[in-house]
């Protein structure tokens, strides 16, 4: 079992920045591929970004490419999502997720993930 706990969500003005964190426990963190998803009210959960075990490979949704950066610190069992130039359409609950054994190439699909955090809310005001 893997437990994931997100933090860092809050209200921010458009154009601002936030950094989300997700701390993992229960399994060797460096064995997990990690992803961030988000879900706005009335919409499906949407892929945001994913990162490989060592941090050398990253994937991004087109909607956040160039504005968001995913990174990880395996010594701290933590994955981050740095969000810059935030827009009102970035408003959502952001979820951290872990891929246990599947390859990173499936990272864009929510159904591929084995573990999920409880989410942290990000609200971007215009």
Foldseek 3Di string as FASTA:
>chain_A
DKAKAKDWADEEAAQAKTKMKIAMDDDQLLQKKKFKWWDDPPDDIFGAKIAHSVRPDMDGDPVQPPFWDWGDDSVRRMIMIIGGRDDQVVWTWMKMFIQRPDDCVCVRDPVRTDDIYPTGTHGYHD
